[in-house]
Amino acid sequence: GRLLPHDLAGRAEVLQWLFWQVAGLGPMAGQNGHFNVYAPEKVPYAIE
């Protein structure tokens, strides 16, 4: 019962931003990190 509103509108507000992170920020930043840090060769198009 913590860190998530109990009312429908407040809950929807939190969940859309939770899913924004899961679907967008995490995967995109993860690929960013992969091509910048872990890739064995630099691929300029992917990095950009």
All heavy atoms as atom14 arrays in JSON, in Angstrom:
{
  "sequence": "GRLLPHDLAGRAEVLQWLFWQVAGLGPMAGQNGHFNVYAPEKVPYAIE",
  "atom14_mask": [
    [1, 1, 1, 1, 0, 0, 0, 0, 0, 0, 0, 0, 0, 0],
    [1, 1, 1, 1, 1, 1, 1, 1, 1, 1, 1, 0, 0, 0],
    [1, 1, 1, 1, 1, 1, 1, 1, 0, 0, 0, 0, 0, 0],
    [1, 1, 1, 1, 1, 1, 1, 1, 0, 0, 0, 0, 0, 0],
    [1, 1, 1, 1, 1, 1, 1, 0, 0, 0, 0, 0, 0, 0],
    [1, 1, 1, 1, 1, 1, 1, 1, 1, 1, 0, 0, 0, 0],
    [1, 1, 1, 1, 1, 1, 1, 1, 0, 0, 0, 0, 0, 0],
    [1, 1, 1, 1, 1, 1, 1, 1, 0, 0, 0, 0, 0, 0],
    [1, 1, 1, 1, 1, 0, 0, 0, 0, 0, 0, 0, 0, 0],
    [1, 1, 1, 1, 0, 0, 0, 0, 0, 0, 0, 0, 0, 0],
    [1, 1, 1, 1, 1, 1, 1, 1, 1, 1, 1, 0, 0, 0],
    [1, 1, 1, 1, 1, 0, 0, 0, 0, 0, 0, 0, 0, 0],
    [1, 1, 1, 1, 1, 1, 1, 1, 1, 0, 0, 0, 0, 0],
    [1, 1, 1, 1, 1, 1, 1, 0, 0, 0, 0, 0, 0, 0],
    [1, 1, 1, 1, 1, 1, 1, 1, 0, 0, 0, 0, 0, 0],
    [1, 1, 1, 1, 1, 1, 1, 1, 1, 0, 0, 0, 0, 0],
    [1, 1, 1, 1, 1, 1, 1, 1, 1, 1, 1, 1, 1, 1],
    [1, 1, 1, 1, 1, 1, 1, 1, 0, 0, 0, 0, 0, 0],
    [1, 1, 1, 1, 1, 1, 1, 1, 1, 1, 1, 0, 0, 0],
    [1, 1, 1, 1, 1, 1, 1, 1, 1, 1, 1, 1, 1, 1],
    [1, 1, 1, 1, 1, 1, 1, 1, 1, 0, 0, 0, 0, 0],
    [1, 1, 1, 1, 1, 1, 1, 0, 0, 0, 0, 0, 0, 0],
    [1, 1, 1, 1, 1, 0, 0, 0, 0, 0, 0, 0, 0, 0],
    [1, 1, 1, 1, 0, 0, 0, 0, 0, 0, 0, 0, 0, 0],
    [1, 1, 1, 1, 1, 1, 1, 1, 0, 0, 0, 0, 0, 0],
    [1, 1, 1, 1, 0, 0, 0, 0, 0, 0, 0, 0, 0, 0],
    [1, 1, 1, 1, 1, 1, 1, 0, 0, 0, 0, 0, 0, 0],
    [1, 1, 1, 1, 1, 1, 1, 1, 0, 0, 0, 0, 0, 0],
    [1, 1, 1, 1, 1, 0, 0, 0, 0, 0, 0, 0, 0, 0],
    [1, 1, 1, 1, 0, 0, 0, 0, 0, 0, 0, 0, 0, 0],
    [1, 1, 1, 1, 1, 1, 1, 1, 1, 0, 0, 0, 0, 0],
    [1, 1, 1, 1, 1, 1, 1, 1, 0, 0, 0, 0, 0, 0],
    [1, 1, 1, 1, 0, 0, 0, 0, 0, 0, 0, 0, 0, 0],
    [1, 1, 1, 1, 1, 1, 1, 1, 1, 1, 0, 0, 0, 0],
    [1, 1, 1, 1, 1, 1, 1, 1, 1, 1, 1, 0, 0, 0],
    [1, 1, 1, 1, 1, 1, 1, 1, 0, 0, 0, 0, 0, 0],
    [1, 1, 1, 1, 1, 1, 1, 0, 0, 0, 0, 0, 0, 0],
    [1, 1, 1, 1, 1, 1, 1, 1, 1, 1, 1, 1, 0, 0],
    [1, 1, 1, 1, 1, 0, 0, 0, 0, 0, 0, 0, 0, 0],
    [1, 1, 1, 1, 1, 1, 1, 0, 0, 0, 0, 0, 0, 0],
    [1, 1, 1, 1, 1, 1, 1, 1, 1, 0, 0, 0, 0, 0],
    [1, 1, 1, 1, 1, 1, 1, 1, 1, 0, 0, 0, 0, 0],
    [1, 1, 1, 1, 1, 1, 1, 0, 0, 0, 0, 0, 0, 0],
    [1, 1, 1, 1, 1, 1, 1, 0, 0, 0, 0, 0, 0, 0],
    [1, 1, 1, 1, 1, 1, 1, 1, 1, 1, 1, 1, 0, 0],
    [1, 1, 1, 1, 1, 0, 0, 0, 0, 0, 0, 0, 0, 0],
    [1, 1, 1, 1, 1, 1, 1, 1, 0, 0, 0, 0, 0, 0],
    [1, 1, 1, 1, 1, 1, 1, 1, 1, 0, 0, 0, 0, 0]
  ],
  "atom14_positions": [
    [[0.81, -1.21, 0.0], [0.0, 0.0, 0.0], [0.84, 1.26, 0.0], [0.37, 2.32, 0.41], [0.0, 0.0, 0.0], [0.0, 0.0, 0.0], [0.0, 0.0, 0.0], [0.0, 0.0, 0.0], [0.0, 0.0, 0.0], [0.0, 0.0, 0.0], [0.0, 0.0, 0.0], [0.0, 0.0, 0.0], [0.0, 0.0, 0.0], [0.0, 0.0, 0.0]],
    [[2.06, 1.16, -0.5], [3.0, 2.29, -0.47], [3.45, 2.64, -1.88], [3.58, 1.79, -2.75], [4.23, 1.92, 0.37], [3.95, 1.53, 1.82], [3.81, 2.75, 2.7], [5.02, 3.56, 2.68], [6.12, 3.29, 3.42], [6.13, 2.22, 4.22], [7.17, 4.09, 3.37], [0.0, 0.0, 0.0], [0.0, 0.0, 0.0], [0.0, 0.0, 0.0]],
    [[3.71, 3.94, -2.08], [4.33, 4.47, -3.3], [3.5, 4.24, -4.56], [4.03, 4.22, -5.67], [5.74, 3.89, -3.47], [6.69, 4.12, -2.28], [8.06, 3.55, -2.57], [6.79, 5.59, -1.91], [0.0, 0.0, 0.0], [0.0, 0.0, 0.0], [0.0, 0.0, 0.0], [0.0, 0.0, 0.0], [0.0, 0.0, 0.0], [0.0, 0.0, 0.0]],
    [[2.19, 4.07, -4.39], [1.26, 3.99, -5.51], [-0.09, 4.51, -5.0], [-0.64, 3.95, -4.04], [1.11, 2.54, -5.99], [0.11, 2.3, -7.13], [0.58, 2.99, -8.41], [-0.05, 0.8, -7.38], [0.0, 0.0, 0.0], [0.0, 0.0, 0.0], [0.0, 0.0, 0.0], [0.0, 0.0, 0.0], [0.0, 0.0, 0.0], [0.0, 0.0, 0.0]],
    [[-0.62, 5.57, -5.6], [-1.88, 6.13, -5.11], [-3.01, 5.1, -5.15], [-3.01, 4.18, -5.97], [-2.15, 7.28, -6.08], [-0.82, 7.64, -6.64], [-0.05, 6.36, -6.71], [0.0, 0.0, 0.0], [0.0, 0.0, 0.0], [0.0, 0.0, 0.0], [0.0, 0.0, 0.0], [0.0, 0.0, 0.0], [0.0, 0.0, 0.0], [0.0, 0.0, 0.0]],
    [[-3.98, 5.3, -4.28], [-5.12, 4.39, -4.23], [-6.27, 4.86, -5.12], [-7.11, 4.06, -5.52], [-5.62, 4.25, -2.79], [-4.57, 3.69, -1.86], [-4.14, 2.39, -1.93], [-3.87, 4.27, -0.85], [-3.23, 2.17, -0.99], [-3.03, 3.3, -0.33], [0.0, 0.0, 0.0], [0.0, 0.0, 0.0], [0.0, 0.0, 0.0], [0.0, 0.0, 0.0]],
    [[-6.31, 6.16, -5.45], [-7.38, 6.65, -6.32], [-7.06, 6.33, -7.77], [-5.89, 6.23, -8.17], [-7.57, 8.15, -6.13], [-6.35, 8.94, -6.57], [-5.31, 8.88, -5.88], [-6.41, 9.61, -7.62], [0.0, 0.0, 0.0], [0.0, 0.0, 0.0], [0.0, 0.0, 0.0], [0.0, 0.0, 0.0], [0.0, 0.0, 0.0], [0.0, 0.0, 0.0]],
    [[-8.09, 6.19, -8.59], [-7.92, 5.74, -9.97], [-7.06, 6.69, -10.78], [-6.15, 6.27, -11.51], [-9.3, 5.58, -10.63], [-9.3, 5.01, -12.05], [-8.7, 3.62, -12.07], [-10.73, 5.0, -12.6], [0.0, 0.0, 0.0], [0.0, 0.0, 0.0], [0.0, 0.0, 0.0], [0.0, 0.0, 0.0], [0.0, 0.0, 0.0], [0.0, 0.0, 0.0]],
    [[-7.32, 8.0, -10.65], [-6.56, 8.97, -11.44], [-5.09, 9.0, -11.03], [-4.2, 9.02, -11.89], [-7.18, 10.36, -11.29], [0.0, 0.0, 0.0], [0.0, 0.0, 0.0], [0.0, 0.0, 0.0], [0.0, 0.0, 0.0], [0.0, 0.0, 0.0], [0.0, 0.0, 0.0], [0.0, 0.0, 0.0], [0.0, 0.0, 0.0], [0.0, 0.0, 0.0]],
    [[-4.83, 8.99, -9.74], [-3.44, 9.01, -9.27], [-2.69, 7.74, -9.64], [-1.51, 7.79, -10.02], [0.0, 0.0, 0.0], [0.0, 0.0, 0.0], [0.0, 0.0, 0.0], [0.0, 0.0, 0.0], [0.0, 0.0, 0.0], [0.0, 0.0, 0.0], [0.0, 0.0, 0.0], [0.0, 0.0, 0.0], [0.0, 0.0, 0.0], [0.0, 0.0, 0.0]],
    [[-3.38, 6.62, -9.56], [-2.78, 5.34, -9.93], [-2.43, 5.34, -11.42], [-1.33, 4.92, -11.82], [-3.76, 4.21, -9.6], [-3.27, 2.82, -9.97], [-4.39, 1.81, -9.67], [-4.07, 0.5, -10.17], [-3.4, -0.43, -9.5], [-2.99, -0.16, -8.28], [-3.15, -1.6, -10.04], [0.0, 0.0, 0.0], [0.0, 0.0, 0.0], [0.0, 0.0, 0.0]],
    [[-3.33, 5.81, -12.25], [-3.08, 5.86, -13.69], [-1.89, 6.76, -14.01], [-1.08, 6.46, -14.9], [-4.33, 6.35, -14.42], [0.0, 0.0, 0.0], [0.0, 0.0, 0.0], [0.0, 0.0, 0.0], [0.0, 0.0, 0.0], [0.0, 0.0, 0.0], [0.0, 0.0, 0.0], [0.0, 0.0, 0.0], [0.0, 0.0, 0.0], [0.0, 0.0, 0.0]],
    [[-1.77, 7.86, -13.28], [-0.65, 8.79, -13.5], [0.68, 8.1, -13.24], [1.63, 8.22, -14.02], [-0.81, 10.0, -12.57], [0.05, 11.18, -12.94], [-0.55, 12.02, -14.05], [-1.6, 11.64, -14.61], [0.05, 13.03, -14.38], [0.0, 0.0, 0.0], [0.0, 0.0, 0.0], [0.0, 0.0, 0.0], [0.0, 0.0, 0.0], [0.0, 0.0, 0.0]],
    [[0.75, 7.37, -12.15], [2.0, 6.67, -11.82], [2.28, 5.55, -12.82], [3.4, 5.41, -13.31], [1.94, 6.11, -10.38], [3.09, 5.13, -10.14], [1.98, 7.24, -9.36], [0.0, 0.0, 0.0], [0.0, 0.0, 0.0], [0.0, 0.0, 0.0], [0.0, 0.0, 0.0], [0.0, 0.0, 0.0], [0.0, 0.0, 0.0], [0.0, 0.0, 0.0]],
    [[1.26, 4.76, -13.14], [1.49, 3.59, -13.99], [1.93, 3.97, -15.4], [2.75, 3.27, -16.0], [0.24, 2.72, -14.03], [-0.12, 2.02, -12.72], [-1.34, 1.12, -12.9], [1.06, 1.22, -12.18], [0.0, 0.0, 0.0], [0.0, 0.0, 0.0], [0.0, 0.0, 0.0], [0.0, 0.0, 0.0], [0.0, 0.0, 0.0], [0.0, 0.0, 0.0]],
    [[1.39, 5.06, -15.94], [1.82, 5.41, -17.3], [3.29, 5.78, -17.32], [4.01, 5.47, -18.29], [0.96, 6.52, -17.88], [1.05, 7.86, -17.19], [0.09, 8.88, -17.8], [-0.34, 8.73, -18.94], [-0.23, 9.91, -17.05], [0.0, 0.0, 0.0], [0.0, 0.0, 0.0], [0.0, 0.0, 0.0], [0.0, 0.0, 0.0], [0.0, 0.0, 0.0]],
    [[3.79, 6.41, -16.25], [5.21, 6.76, -16.21], [6.07, 5.56, -15.85], [7.24, 5.48, -16.28], [5.44, 7.93, -15.26], [4.98, 9.2, -15.9], [3.77, 9.82, -15.73], [5.69, 9.96, -16.88], [3.69, 10.92, -16.53], [4.85, 11.04, -17.25], [6.94, 9.84, -17.47], [5.25, 11.99, -18.2], [7.34, 10.79, -18.41], [6.49, 11.85, -18.76]],
    [[5.53, 4.63, -15.08], [6.25, 3.37, -14.86], [6.45, 2.65, -16.18], [7.56, 2.21, -16.52], [5.46, 2.49, -13.89], [5.97, 1.06, -13.71], [7.36, 1.04, -13.08], [4.99, 0.25, -12.86], [0.0, 0.0, 0.0], [0.0, 0.0, 0.0], [0.0, 0.0, 0.0], [0.0, 0.0, 0.0], [0.0, 0.0, 0.0], [0.0, 0.0, 0.0]],
    [[5.39, 2.55, -16.99], [5.49, 1.86, -18.27], [6.34, 2.66, -19.27], [6.99, 2.07, -20.15], [4.11, 1.56, -18.83], [3.36, 0.53, -18.02], [2.06, 0.77, -17.61], [3.95, -0.65, -17.65], [1.37, -0.16, -16.85], [3.27, -1.6, -16.89], [1.98, -1.36, -16.49], [0.0, 0.0, 0.0], [0.0, 0.0, 0.0], [0.0, 0.0, 0.0]],
    [[6.33, 3.97, -19.15], [7.23, 4.79, -19.98], [8.68, 4.4, -19.73], [9.46, 4.26, -20.68], [7.01, 6.27, -19.65], [7.96, 7.22, -20.31], [7.88, 7.74, -21.57], [9.16, 7.78, -19.73], [8.95, 8.58, -21.81], [9.74, 8.62, -20.7], [9.78, 7.65, -18.48], [10.92, 9.33, -20.45], [10.95, 8.35, -18.24], [11.51, 9.18, -19.21]],
    [[9.03, 4.21, -18.49], [10.4, 3.8, -18.19], [10.68, 2.4, -18.72], [11.71, 2.16, -19.36], [10.65, 3.85, -16.68], [12.08, 3.51, -16.29], [12.38, 2.03, -16.28], [11.63, 1.24, -15.71], [13.48, 1.64, -16.91], [0.0, 0.0, 0.0], [0.0, 0.0, 0.0], [0.0, 0.0, 0.0], [0.0, 0.0, 0.0], [0.0, 0.0, 0.0]],
    [[9.77, 1.49, -18.46], [9.99, 0.09, -18.85], [10.08, -0.05, -20.37], [10.91, -0.81, -20.89], [8.85, -0.79, -18.29], [8.91, -2.2, -18.86], [8.92, -0.84, -16.76], [0.0, 0.0, 0.0], [0.0, 0.0, 0.0], [0.0, 0.0, 0.0], [0.0, 0.0, 0.0], [0.0, 0.0, 0.0], [0.0, 0.0, 0.0], [0.0, 0.0, 0.0]],
    [[9.25, 0.69, -21.1], [9.2, 0.55, -22.56], [10.16, 1.48, -23.28], [10.53, 1.2, -24.43], [7.78, 0.81, -23.05], [0.0, 0.0, 0.0], [0.0, 0.0, 0.0], [0.0, 0.0, 0.0], [0.0, 0.0, 0.0], [0.0, 0.0, 0.0], [0.0, 0.0, 0.0], [0.0, 0.0, 0.0], [0.0, 0.0, 0.0], [0.0, 0.0, 0.0]],
    [[10.56, 2.59, -22.65], [11.34, 3.6, -23.35], [12.69, 3.89, -22.74], [13.73, 3.55, -23.29], [0.0, 0.0, 0.0], [0.0, 0.0, 0.0], [0.0, 0.0, 0.0], [0.0, 0.0, 0.0], [0.0, 0.0, 0.0], [0.0, 0.0, 0.0], [0.0, 0.0, 0.0], [0.0, 0.0, 0.0], [0.0, 0.0, 0.0], [0.0, 0.0, 0.0]],
    [[12.69, 4.53, -21.59], [13.94, 4.99, -21.0], [14.91, 3.84, -20.75], [16.1, 3.94, -21.09], [13.66, 5.74, -19.69], [14.9, 6.24, -18.94], [15.68, 7.25, -19.77], [14.51, 6.85, -17.59], [0.0, 0.0, 0.0], [0.0, 0.0, 0.0], [0.0, 0.0, 0.0], [0.0, 0.0, 0.0], [0.0, 0.0, 0.0], [0.0, 0.0, 0.0]],
    [[14.44, 2.75, -20.17], [15.34, 1.63, -19.88], [15.94, 1.01, -21.13], [17.17, 0.91, -21.25], [0.0, 0.0, 0.0], [0.0, 0.0, 0.0], [0.0, 0.0, 0.0], [0.0, 0.0, 0.0], [0.0, 0.0, 0.0], [0.0, 0.0, 0.0], [0.0, 0.0, 0.0], [0.0, 0.0, 0.0], [0.0, 0.0, 0.0], [0.0, 0.0, 0.0]],
    [[15.11, 0.56, -22.08], [15.68, -0.05, -23.29], [16.58, 0.89, -24.1], [17.63, 0.47, -24.6], [14.43, -0.45, -24.09], [13.37, -0.64, -23.06], [13.65, 0.4, -22.01], [0.0, 0.0, 0.0], [0.0, 0.0, 0.0], [0.0, 0.0, 0.0], [0.0, 0.0, 0.0], [0.0, 0.0, 0.0], [0.0, 0.0, 0.0], [0.0, 0.0, 0.0]],
    [[16.19, 2.15, -24.24], [17.0, 3.06, -25.05], [18.32, 3.39, -24.35], [19.38, 3.39, -24.97], [16.22, 4.34, -25.34], [14.99, 4.14, -26.21], [15.33, 3.41, -27.83], [14.77, 1.71, -27.56], [0.0, 0.0, 0.0], [0.0, 0.0, 0.0], [0.0, 0.0, 0.0], [0.0, 0.0, 0.0], [0.0, 0.0, 0.0], [0.0, 0.0, 0.0]],
    [[18.26, 3.68, -23.05], [19.5, 3.94, -22.32], [20.36, 2.69, -22.26], [21.6, 2.77, -22.28], [19.18, 4.44, -20.91], [0.0, 0.0, 0.0], [0.0, 0.0, 0.0], [0.0, 0.0, 0.0], [0.0, 0.0, 0.0], [0.0, 0.0, 0.0], [0.0, 0.0, 0.0], [0.0, 0.0, 0.0], [0.0, 0.0, 0.0], [0.0, 0.0, 0.0]],
    [[19.73, 1.52, -22.2], [20.48, 0.28, -22.18], [21.23, 0.06, -23.48], [22.42, -0.34, -23.48], [0.0, 0.0, 0.0], [0.0, 0.0, 0.0], [0.0, 0.0, 0.0], [0.0, 0.0, 0.0], [0.0, 0.0, 0.0], [0.0, 0.0, 0.0], [0.0, 0.0, 0.0], [0.0, 0.0, 0.0], [0.0, 0.0, 0.0], [0.0, 0.0, 0.0]],
    [[20.6, 0.31, -24.62], [21.29, 0.19, -25.9], [22.38, 1.26, -26.03], [23.46, 1.01, -26.58], [20.29, 0.32, -27.05], [19.31, -0.83, -27.16], [20.01, -2.16, -27.4], [20.98, -2.24, -28.14], [19.51, -3.21, -26.77], [0.0, 0.0, 0.0], [0.0, 0.0, 0.0], [0.0, 0.0, 0.0], [0.0, 0.0, 0.0], [0.0, 0.0, 0.0]],
    [[22.1, 2.44, -25.5], [23.1, 3.5, -25.47], [24.35, 3.01, -24.74], [25.48, 3.1, -25.24], [22.5, 4.72, -24.76], [23.41, 5.93, -24.73], [24.62, 5.84, -24.79], [22.8, 7.1, -24.63], [0.0, 0.0, 0.0], [0.0, 0.0, 0.0], [0.0, 0.0, 0.0], [0.0, 0.0, 0.0], [0.0, 0.0, 0.0], [0.0, 0.0, 0.0]],
    [[24.15, 2.47, -23.54], [25.27, 1.97, -22.76], [26.0, 0.83, -23.46], [27.23, 0.74, -23.42], [0.0, 0.0, 0.0], [0.0, 0.0, 0.0], [0.0, 0.0, 0.0], [0.0, 0.0, 0.0], [0.0, 0.0, 0.0], [0.0, 0.0, 0.0], [0.0, 0.0, 0.0], [0.0, 0.0, 0.0], [0.0, 0.0, 0.0], [0.0, 0.0, 0.0]],
    [[25.24, -0.04, -24.1], [25.86, -1.17, -24.77], [26.82, -0.72, -25.87], [27.98, -1.13, -25.93], [24.81, -2.1, -25.37], [25.39, -3.23, -26.15], [25.87, -4.36, -25.55], [25.61, -3.39, -27.49], [26.36, -5.19, -26.47], [26.2, -4.61, -27.65], [0.0, 0.0, 0.0], [0.0, 0.0, 0.0], [0.0, 0.0, 0.0], [0.0, 0.0, 0.0]],
    [[26.34, 0.16, -26.75], [27.17, 0.57, -27.88], [28.28, 1.54, -27.48], [29.32, 1.6, -28.14], [26.3, 1.15, -28.99], [25.54, 0.1, -29.74], [24.17, -0.05, -29.55], [26.18, -0.76, -30.6], [23.46, -1.03, -30.22], [25.48, -1.75, -31.29], [24.12, -1.88, -31.09], [0.0, 0.0, 0.0], [0.0, 0.0, 0.0], [0.0, 0.0, 0.0]],
    [[28.08, 2.27, -26.39], [29.11, 3.19, -25.91], [30.18, 2.5, -25.08], [31.35, 2.89, -25.12], [28.49, 4.31, -25.08], [28.14, 5.54, -25.9], [29.03, 6.17, -26.46], [26.87, 5.85, -25.99], [0.0, 0.0, 0.0], [0.0, 0.0, 0.0], [0.0, 0.0, 0.0], [0.0, 0.0, 0.0], [0.0, 0.0, 0.0], [0.0, 0.0, 0.0]],
    [[29.78, 1.49, -24.31], [30.67, 0.91, -23.3], [31.09, -0.52, -23.63], [32.26, -0.87, -23.52], [30.01, 0.96, -21.9], [30.93, 0.35, -20.85], [29.65, 2.4, -21.53], [0.0, 0.0, 0.0], [0.0, 0.0, 0.0], [0.0, 0.0, 0.0], [0.0, 0.0, 0.0], [0.0, 0.0, 0.0], [0.0, 0.0, 0.0], [0.0, 0.0, 0.0]],
    [[30.14, -1.37, -24.01], [30.41, -2.8, -24.08], [30.68, -3.35, -25.47], [31.27, -4.42, -25.61], [29.24, -3.57, -23.47], [29.02, -3.27, -22.01], [27.88, -2.59, -21.58], [29.96, -3.64, -21.05], [27.68, -2.31, -20.23], [29.78, -3.35, -19.71], [28.64, -2.69, -19.31], [28.44, -2.4, -18.0], [0.0, 0.0, 0.0], [0.0, 0.0, 0.0]],
    [[30.21, -2.68, -26.49], [30.38, -3.22, -27.85], [31.87, -3.37, -28.18], [32.66, -2.47, -27.9], [29.7, -2.31, -28.87], [0.0, 0.0, 0.0], [0.0, 0.0, 0.0], [0.0, 0.0, 0.0], [0.0, 0.0, 0.0], [0.0, 0.0, 0.0], [0.0, 0.0, 0.0], [0.0, 0.0, 0.0], [0.0, 0.0, 0.0], [0.0, 0.0, 0.0]],
    [[32.26, -4.48, -28.78], [33.68, -4.71, -29.09], [34.21, -3.79, -30.18], [35.41, -3.61, -30.32], [33.72, -6.17, -29.53], [32.34, -6.47, -29.99], [31.43, -5.64, -29.14], [0.0, 0.0, 0.0], [0.0, 0.0, 0.0], [0.0, 0.0, 0.0], [0.0, 0.0, 0.0], [0.0, 0.0, 0.0], [0.0, 0.0, 0.0], [0.0, 0.0, 0.0]],
    [[33.32, -3.2, -30.96], [33.73, -2.23, -31.96], [32.77, -1.05, -31.92], [31.59, -1.19, -31.6], [33.73, -2.86, -33.35], [32.37, -3.38, -33.8], [32.42, -4.05, -35.16], [32.39, -3.31, -36.17], [32.49, -5.29, -35.2], [0.0, 0.0, 0.0], [0.0, 0.0, 0.0], [0.0, 0.0, 0.0], [0.0, 0.0, 0.0], [0.0, 0.0, 0.0]],
    [[33.28, 0.13, -32.22], [32.47, 1.34, -32.22], [31.66, 1.42, -33.52], [32.22, 1.33, -34.62], [33.35, 2.58, -32.07], [34.08, 2.66, -30.74], [33.12, 2.73, -29.56], [33.85, 2.87, -28.24], [32.91, 2.88, -27.09], [0.0, 0.0, 0.0], [0.0, 0.0, 0.0], [0.0, 0.0, 0.0], [0.0, 0.0, 0.0], [0.0, 0.0, 0.0]],
    [[30.36, 1.55, -33.37], [29.46, 1.66, -34.51], [28.86, 3.07, -34.45], [27.91, 3.3, -33.68], [28.36, 0.59, -34.47], [27.48, 0.69, -35.71], [28.97, -0.8, -34.33], [0.0, 0.0, 0.0], [0.0, 0.0, 0.0], [0.0, 0.0, 0.0], [0.0, 0.0, 0.0], [0.0, 0.0, 0.0], [0.0, 0.0, 0.0], [0.0, 0.0, 0.0]],
    [[29.4, 4.02, -35.2], [28.97, 5.42, -35.06], [27.47, 5.62, -35.2], [26.87, 6.4, -34.45], [29.75, 6.14, -36.16], [30.97, 5.31, -36.34], [30.52, 3.89, -36.15], [0.0, 0.0, 0.0], [0.0, 0.0, 0.0], [0.0, 0.0, 0.0], [0.0, 0.0, 0.0], [0.0, 0.0, 0.0], [0.0, 0.0, 0.0], [0.0, 0.0, 0.0]],
    [[26.84, 4.94, -36.17], [25.41, 5.13, -36.35], [24.65, 4.71, -35.1], [23.74, 5.42, -34.64], [24.9, 4.33, -37.56], [23.39, 4.39, -37.67], [22.75, 5.49, -38.25], [22.59, 3.36, -37.16], [21.38, 5.57, -38.32], [21.2, 3.43, -37.23], [20.61, 4.53, -37.81], [19.24, 4.6, -37.87], [0.0, 0.0, 0.0], [0.0, 0.0, 0.0]],
    [[24.99, 3.56, -34.53], [24.29, 3.06, -33.35], [24.51, 3.98, -32.15], [23.58, 4.28, -31.39], [24.76, 1.64, -33.02], [0.0, 0.0, 0.0], [0.0, 0.0, 0.0], [0.0, 0.0, 0.0], [0.0, 0.0, 0.0], [0.0, 0.0, 0.0], [0.0, 0.0, 0.0], [0.0, 0.0, 0.0], [0.0, 0.0, 0.0], [0.0, 0.0, 0.0]],
    [[25.76, 4.44, -31.98], [26.05, 5.34, -30.86], [25.24, 6.63, -30.99], [24.6, 7.08, -30.02], [27.56, 5.65, -30.81], [28.33, 4.38, -30.42], [27.85, 6.79, -29.84], [29.83, 4.52, -30.55], [0.0, 0.0, 0.0], [0.0, 0.0, 0.0], [0.0, 0.0, 0.0], [0.0, 0.0, 0.0], [0.0, 0.0, 0.0], [0.0, 0.0, 0.0]],
    [[25.23, 7.22, -32.18], [24.49, 8.46, -32.38], [22.99, 8.25, -32.21], [22.3, 9.07, -31.59], [24.77, 9.02, -33.77], [24.07, 10.35, -34.04], [24.33, 10.89, -35.43], [24.87, 10.14, -36.27], [24.0, 12.06, -35.67], [0.0, 0.0, 0.0], [0.0, 0.0, 0.0], [0.0, 0.0, 0.0], [0.0, 0.0, 0.0], [0.0, 0.0, 0.0]]
  ]
}
